Amino acid sequence: MAFMIGALAKRSGLCMVKGVSALMAGRPALLSAILVCGLTFWFLIPFSISPRNTFALPQYGASLLFFIGGLLFGLGAGFNQGCSVSTLTRLAQRDIRMLATVFGWAVGWLIFSNVSLDLSISYRVTNYSPCAISPLIFTLCVITFITFVIHPQRRIFLTILLFGAISTLLIQMSPEWSPSHYLQALTYTISNPKLSSWPTLSEHLIIVLLLTGMSFGNKHSFIAITTKQFIYHCSAGILMGIGASLALGGNDAQVLFAMPALSSGGVLACLGMIGGIMLALKLMALHQQRQRQVAK
């Protein structure tokens, strides 16, 4: 499953930055596909491969910290030109600049590793059944059909939905497999060994196979990194790490975990991420415009 998720992420070009860029150009379908792909959880849970009849999903109450965290993460992702998943995809395709982003992300996590945030948190264990969620399934089917199936780029959008579906299946077996959770566990353990949050062997293997899937059939050559680029991408990664700390996860965690849980905190984080990416893209466009004017 991890290998397939990686391959699908590469094939679809899954990236929230691309989705927001398309949104700003008046094409919202790509971003919509990314935001709803995690909701395939509600399609699949009645037929779960897990022997359990219930599945615990954490719901986080609305808090300004989630929006601020999402905003900072979005700024970093926009400057980096890649979100959580696409950063790993580019790294798997030999873009060494993304190592600086991952390093900066870890530093950002560490900055808040020992900070206790006052968040309104509640946990819900729901008995899922086809009857209980049939209205939501019907609504999603209609939206999915209208938005994606008849769209000229339907193959990309349906690939993203398949990415979400397989991710949902993997969540049932390894609830903390996502890159955000994995990096958080690593950095928290390094900063405070007493936490004993070191990832399990299966979580290590999942990340390895995820990267393998992302690199499968790779024909890219190595992209070297200069000192200036290291500072730039490391700084972007630090923003992403701090934002992910405040929002309790990067965009992968929000889309695949928080959104399916119908978490208000997750919704605020996603809105902040979209706003942060928009701001970063506009600032970068202004910078490029000024550079062209200076060159003239």
Protein backbone atom coordinates (compact mmCIF):
# COMPACT_ATOMS: atom_id res chain seq x y z
CA MET A 1 0.00 0.00 0.00
CA ALA A 2 2.80 2.43 0.86
CA PHE A 3 4.48 1.70 -2.47
CA MET A 4 1.22 2.30 -4.33
CA ILE A 5 0.58 5.54 -2.43
CA GLY A 6 4.02 6.80 -3.42
CA ALA A 7 3.54 5.81 -7.06
CA LEU A 8 0.10 7.49 -7.19
CA ALA A 9 1.47 10.66 -5.58
CA LYS A 10 4.17 10.82 -8.25
CA ARG A 11 1.82 10.03 -11.15
CA SER A 12 -0.80 12.60 -10.13
CA GLY A 13 1.71 15.31 -9.24
CA LEU A 14 -0.11 15.64 -5.93
CA CYS A 15 0.76 19.02 -4.42
CA MET A 16 -1.36 21.55 -2.54
CA VAL A 17 0.84 24.37 -3.87
CA LYS A 18 -0.10 23.38 -7.43
CA GLY A 19 -3.72 23.17 -6.37
CA VAL A 20 -3.72 26.67 -4.88
CA SER A 21 -1.86 28.02 -7.92
CA ALA A 22 -4.56 26.55 -10.16
CA LEU A 23 -7.24 28.01 -7.87
CA MET A 24 -5.71 31.47 -8.25
CA ALA A 25 -5.88 30.97 -12.02
CA GLY A 26 -9.58 30.19 -11.79
CA ARG A 27 -9.29 26.38 -11.87
CA PRO A 28 -10.43 25.06 -8.45
CA ALA A 29 -10.87 21.39 -9.40
CA LEU A 30 -7.34 20.22 -8.51
CA LEU A 31 -7.41 21.75 -5.03
CA SER A 32 -10.92 20.36 -4.49
CA ALA A 33 -9.70 16.87 -5.38
CA ILE A 34 -6.82 17.15 -2.91
CA LEU A 35 -9.04 18.41 -0.08
CA VAL A 36 -11.70 15.71 -0.47
CA CYS A 37 -9.44 12.73 -1.22
CA GLY A 38 -9.24 11.88 2.48
CA LEU A 39 -13.03 11.73 2.68
CA THR A 40 -12.87 8.41 0.85
CA PHE A 41 -12.50 7.19 4.44
CA TRP A 42 -16.28 7.44 4.72
CA PHE A 43 -16.75 5.31 1.61
CA LEU A 44 -14.44 2.52 2.75
CA ILE A 45 -14.89 2.28 6.53
CA PRO A 46 -18.18 0.29 6.33
CA PHE A 47 -16.21 -2.37 4.45
CA SER A 48 -13.12 -2.01 6.59
CA ILE A 49 -10.37 -4.63 6.41
CA SER A 50 -9.94 -4.03 10.14
CA PRO A 51 -11.70 -6.54 12.39
CA ARG A 52 -12.85 -3.70 14.63
CA ASN A 53 -16.36 -2.30 14.31
CA THR A 54 -15.25 1.10 15.52
CA PHE A 55 -12.39 3.38 14.62
CA ALA A 56 -11.14 6.24 16.79
CA LEU A 57 -10.68 9.59 15.08
CA PRO A 58 -9.40 12.58 17.08
CA GLN A 59 -11.41 15.75 16.64
CA TYR A 60 -9.75 19.04 17.52
CA GLY A 61 -11.82 22.03 18.53
CA ALA A 62 -11.61 25.30 16.62
CA SER A 63 -8.65 27.41 17.74
CA LEU A 64 -6.82 30.39 16.28
CA LEU A 65 -3.59 28.41 16.68
CA PHE A 66 -4.72 25.99 13.98
CA PHE A 67 -5.27 28.82 11.52
CA ILE A 68 -1.96 30.50 12.40
CA GLY A 69 -0.16 27.18 12.14
CA GLY A 70 -1.76 26.51 8.77
CA LEU A 71 -0.84 30.01 7.59
CA LEU A 72 2.82 29.55 8.54
CA PHE A 73 2.92 26.10 6.98
CA GLY A 74 1.34 27.46 3.81
CA LEU A 75 3.90 30.26 3.62
CA GLY A 76 6.74 27.78 3.93
CA ALA A 77 5.21 25.36 1.42
CA GLY A 78 4.61 28.20 -1.05
CA PHE A 79 8.20 29.44 -0.84
CA ASN A 80 9.42 25.84 -1.04
CA GLN A 81 7.16 25.19 -4.04
CA GLY A 82 6.13 21.93 -2.46
CA CYS A 83 3.93 20.66 0.38
CA SER A 84 4.50 17.60 2.59
CA VAL A 85 3.91 14.91 -0.02
CA SER A 86 5.40 16.74 -3.00
CA THR A 87 8.56 17.57 -1.00
CA LEU A 88 9.15 13.85 -0.49
CA THR A 89 8.29 13.14 -4.13
CA ARG A 90 10.87 15.65 -5.34
CA LEU A 91 13.41 14.25 -2.89
CA ALA A 92 12.77 10.74 -4.20
CA GLN A 93 13.33 12.12 -7.69
CA ARG A 94 16.82 13.28 -6.66
CA ASP A 95 16.07 16.92 -5.95
CA ILE A 96 18.65 17.37 -3.19
CA ARG A 97 17.25 20.81 -2.33
CA MET A 98 14.39 19.05 -0.58
CA LEU A 99 16.84 17.66 1.99
CA ALA A 100 17.26 21.24 3.20
CA THR A 101 13.47 21.53 3.46
CA VAL A 102 13.21 18.32 5.50
CA PHE A 103 16.06 19.46 7.75
CA GLY A 104 14.38 22.84 8.28
CA TRP A 105 11.06 21.11 8.96
CA ALA A 106 12.71 19.02 11.69
CA VAL A 107 14.20 22.18 13.20
CA GLY A 108 10.77 23.81 13.15
CA TRP A 109 9.26 20.80 14.92
CA LEU A 110 12.03 20.93 17.56
CA ILE A 111 11.38 24.61 18.29
CA PHE A 112 7.96 23.67 19.67
CA SER A 113 8.76 20.16 20.87
CA ASN A 114 8.69 21.14 24.53
CA VAL A 115 5.93 23.75 24.31
CA SER A 116 2.59 22.78 25.79
CA LEU A 117 -0.26 24.28 23.76
CA ASP A 118 -3.72 24.73 25.24
CA LEU A 119 -5.91 23.11 22.58
CA SER A 120 -9.50 22.00 22.93
CA ILE A 121 -9.26 18.33 22.12
CA SER A 122 -11.96 15.70 22.12
CA TYR A 123 -11.88 12.13 20.91
CA ARG A 124 -14.74 10.34 19.31
CA VAL A 125 -15.22 6.64 18.63
CA THR A 126 -18.01 6.20 16.11
CA ASN A 127 -19.75 3.05 14.92
CA TYR A 128 -19.64 3.35 11.16
CA SER A 129 -22.30 1.74 9.00
CA PRO A 130 -23.52 2.29 5.44
CA CYS A 131 -26.93 3.45 6.68
CA ALA A 132 -25.50 6.06 9.03
CA ILE A 133 -23.39 7.75 6.39
CA SER A 134 -25.50 7.15 3.26
CA PRO A 135 -26.54 10.84 2.92
CA LEU A 136 -22.89 11.93 3.03
CA ILE A 137 -21.86 9.19 0.57
CA PHE A 138 -24.61 10.21 -1.86
CA THR A 139 -23.60 13.87 -1.66
CA LEU A 140 -19.94 13.05 -2.22
CA CYS A 141 -20.81 10.81 -5.16
CA VAL A 142 -22.72 13.62 -6.86
CA ILE A 143 -19.98 16.20 -6.17
CA THR A 144 -17.25 13.80 -7.28
CA PHE A 145 -19.07 12.94 -10.50
CA ILE A 146 -19.84 16.52 -11.45
CA THR A 147 -16.45 17.92 -10.49
CA PHE A 148 -14.05 15.18 -11.51
CA VAL A 149 -15.46 12.43 -13.73
CA ILE A 150 -16.61 14.76 -16.52
CA HIS A 151 -13.58 17.04 -16.17
CA PRO A 152 -10.98 16.96 -19.00
CA GLN A 153 -8.30 16.07 -16.42
CA ARG A 154 -10.39 13.37 -14.80
CA ARG A 155 -7.54 10.83 -14.81
CA ILE A 156 -5.42 13.01 -12.55
CA PHE A 157 -8.30 13.74 -10.19
CA LEU A 158 -9.40 10.11 -9.96
CA THR A 159 -5.77 9.13 -9.30
CA ILE A 160 -5.76 11.59 -6.38
CA LEU A 161 -8.99 10.06 -5.05
CA LEU A 162 -7.42 6.60 -5.33
CA PHE A 163 -4.43 7.94 -3.41
CA GLY A 164 -6.82 9.00 -0.64
CA ALA A 165 -8.63 5.66 -0.67
CA ILE A 166 -5.47 3.56 -0.27
CA SER A 167 -4.14 5.99 2.34
CA THR A 168 -7.37 5.41 4.27
CA LEU A 169 -6.83 1.65 4.20
CA LEU A 170 -3.27 2.08 5.43
CA ILE A 171 -4.43 4.39 8.24
CA GLN A 172 -6.57 1.55 9.60
CA MET A 173 -3.48 -0.63 10.02
CA SER A 174 -0.93 2.05 10.89
CA PRO A 175 -2.71 5.18 12.16
CA GLU A 176 0.48 7.27 12.29
CA TRP A 177 2.12 6.37 8.99
CA SER A 178 1.99 9.84 7.40
CA PRO A 179 5.25 11.75 6.74
CA SER A 180 4.16 14.47 9.19
CA HIS A 181 3.64 12.00 12.02
CA TYR A 182 6.83 10.13 11.17
CA LEU A 183 9.01 13.24 11.22
CA GLN A 184 7.31 14.49 14.37
CA ALA A 185 8.04 11.21 16.15
CA LEU A 186 11.69 11.31 15.09
CA THR A 187 12.32 14.89 16.14
CA TYR A 188 10.41 14.62 19.43
CA THR A 189 12.36 11.51 20.40
CA ILE A 190 15.68 13.19 19.56
CA SER A 191 14.77 16.26 21.64
CA ASN A 192 13.36 14.26 24.54
CA PRO A 193 14.33 10.58 24.60
CA LYS A 194 12.04 10.00 27.60
CA LEU A 195 9.00 10.42 25.31
CA SER A 196 9.73 7.00 23.73
CA SER A 197 7.95 8.00 20.53
CA TRP A 198 10.48 6.43 18.16
CA PRO A 199 8.65 5.04 15.08
CA THR A 200 8.08 1.31 14.89
CA LEU A 201 9.82 -0.92 12.37
CA SER A 202 6.68 -1.05 10.22
CA GLU A 203 6.49 2.77 10.17
CA HIS A 204 10.13 2.92 9.03
CA LEU A 205 9.39 0.42 6.27
CA ILE A 206 6.27 2.33 5.20
CA ILE A 207 8.29 5.51 4.67
CA VAL A 208 11.01 3.59 2.79
CA LEU A 209 8.44 1.99 0.47
CA LEU A 210 6.61 5.30 0.09
CA LEU A 211 9.83 6.90 -1.18
CA THR A 212 10.49 3.85 -3.36
CA GLY A 213 7.09 4.25 -4.99
CA MET A 214 7.74 7.94 -5.53
CA SER A 215 11.06 7.17 -7.21
CA PHE A 216 9.76 4.24 -9.29
CA GLY A 217 10.62 4.76 -12.96
CA ASN A 218 12.52 7.93 -12.10
CA LYS A 219 14.45 9.40 -15.02
CA HIS A 220 15.50 12.64 -13.32
CA SER A 221 19.14 13.48 -12.75
CA PHE A 222 20.46 14.83 -9.46
CA ILE A 223 19.64 18.48 -8.80
CA ALA A 224 22.50 19.94 -6.78
CA ILE A 225 22.08 22.59 -4.10
CA THR A 226 23.98 25.81 -3.51
CA THR A 227 24.55 27.49 -0.15
CA LYS A 228 21.96 30.15 -1.01
CA GLN A 229 19.41 27.49 -1.96
CA PHE A 230 20.10 25.56 1.25
CA ILE A 231 19.38 28.64 3.35
CA TYR A 232 16.25 29.41 1.31
CA HIS A 233 14.73 25.92 1.45
CA CYS A 234 15.82 25.36 5.04
CA SER A 235 14.06 28.60 6.04
CA ALA A 236 10.94 27.49 4.18
CA GLY A 237 11.14 24.14 5.96
CA ILE A 238 11.41 25.84 9.35
CA LEU A 239 8.20 27.75 8.61
CA MET A 240 6.54 24.47 7.62
CA GLY A 241 7.79 22.77 10.79
CA ILE A 242 6.61 25.54 13.11
CA GLY A 243 3.26 25.67 11.32
CA ALA A 244 2.86 21.89 11.50
CA SER A 245 3.62 22.01 15.23
CA LEU A 246 0.90 24.59 15.84
CA ALA A 247 -1.62 22.90 13.54
CA LEU A 248 -0.71 19.39 14.81
CA GLY A 249 0.36 18.18 11.38
CA GLY A 250 1.23 19.22 7.86
CA ASN A 251 -1.22 19.26 4.97
CA ASP A 252 -0.95 15.46 4.61
CA ALA A 253 -2.13 14.96 8.20
CA GLN A 254 -4.92 17.51 7.79
CA VAL A 255 -6.26 16.04 4.53
CA LEU A 256 -5.92 12.36 5.46
CA PHE A 257 -6.72 12.52 9.20
CA ALA A 258 -8.37 15.78 10.29
CA MET A 259 -10.74 16.29 7.35
CA PRO A 260 -12.21 12.75 7.46
CA ALA A 261 -12.75 13.25 11.21
CA LEU A 262 -14.76 16.40 10.36
CA SER A 263 -12.44 18.26 12.72
CA SER A 264 -13.10 22.00 12.92
CA GLY A 265 -9.46 22.52 13.83
CA GLY A 266 -8.42 20.68 10.69
CA VAL A 267 -10.69 22.83 8.54
CA LEU A 268 -9.17 26.00 10.02
CA ALA A 269 -5.66 24.62 9.41
CA CYS A 270 -6.47 23.88 5.76
CA LEU A 271 -7.92 27.36 5.27
CA GLY A 272 -4.78 28.85 6.80
CA MET A 273 -2.58 26.72 4.52
CA ILE A 274 -4.45 27.86 1.43
CA GLY A 275 -4.15 31.49 2.54
CA GLY A 276 -0.44 31.10 3.34
CA ILE A 277 0.33 29.51 -0.03
CA MET A 278 -1.56 32.28 -1.82
CA LEU A 279 0.40 34.93 0.07
CA ALA A 280 3.73 33.21 -0.67
CA LEU A 281 2.93 32.89 -4.39
CA LYS A 282 1.94 36.54 -4.62
CA LEU A 283 5.11 37.66 -2.81
CA MET A 284 7.23 35.53 -5.12
CA ALA A 285 5.47 36.95 -8.18
CA LEU A 286 6.10 40.51 -6.95
CA HIS A 287 9.77 39.68 -6.34
CA GLN A 288 10.17 38.27 -9.83
CA GLN A 289 8.44 41.31 -11.31
CA ARG A 290 10.83 43.64 -9.52
CA GLN A 291 13.80 41.61 -10.70
CA ARG A 292 12.63 41.91 -14.30
CA GLN A 293 12.21 45.66 -13.90
CA VAL A 294 15.72 45.99 -12.47
CA ALA A 295 17.13 43.90 -15.33
CA LYS A 296 15.50 46.21 -17.87
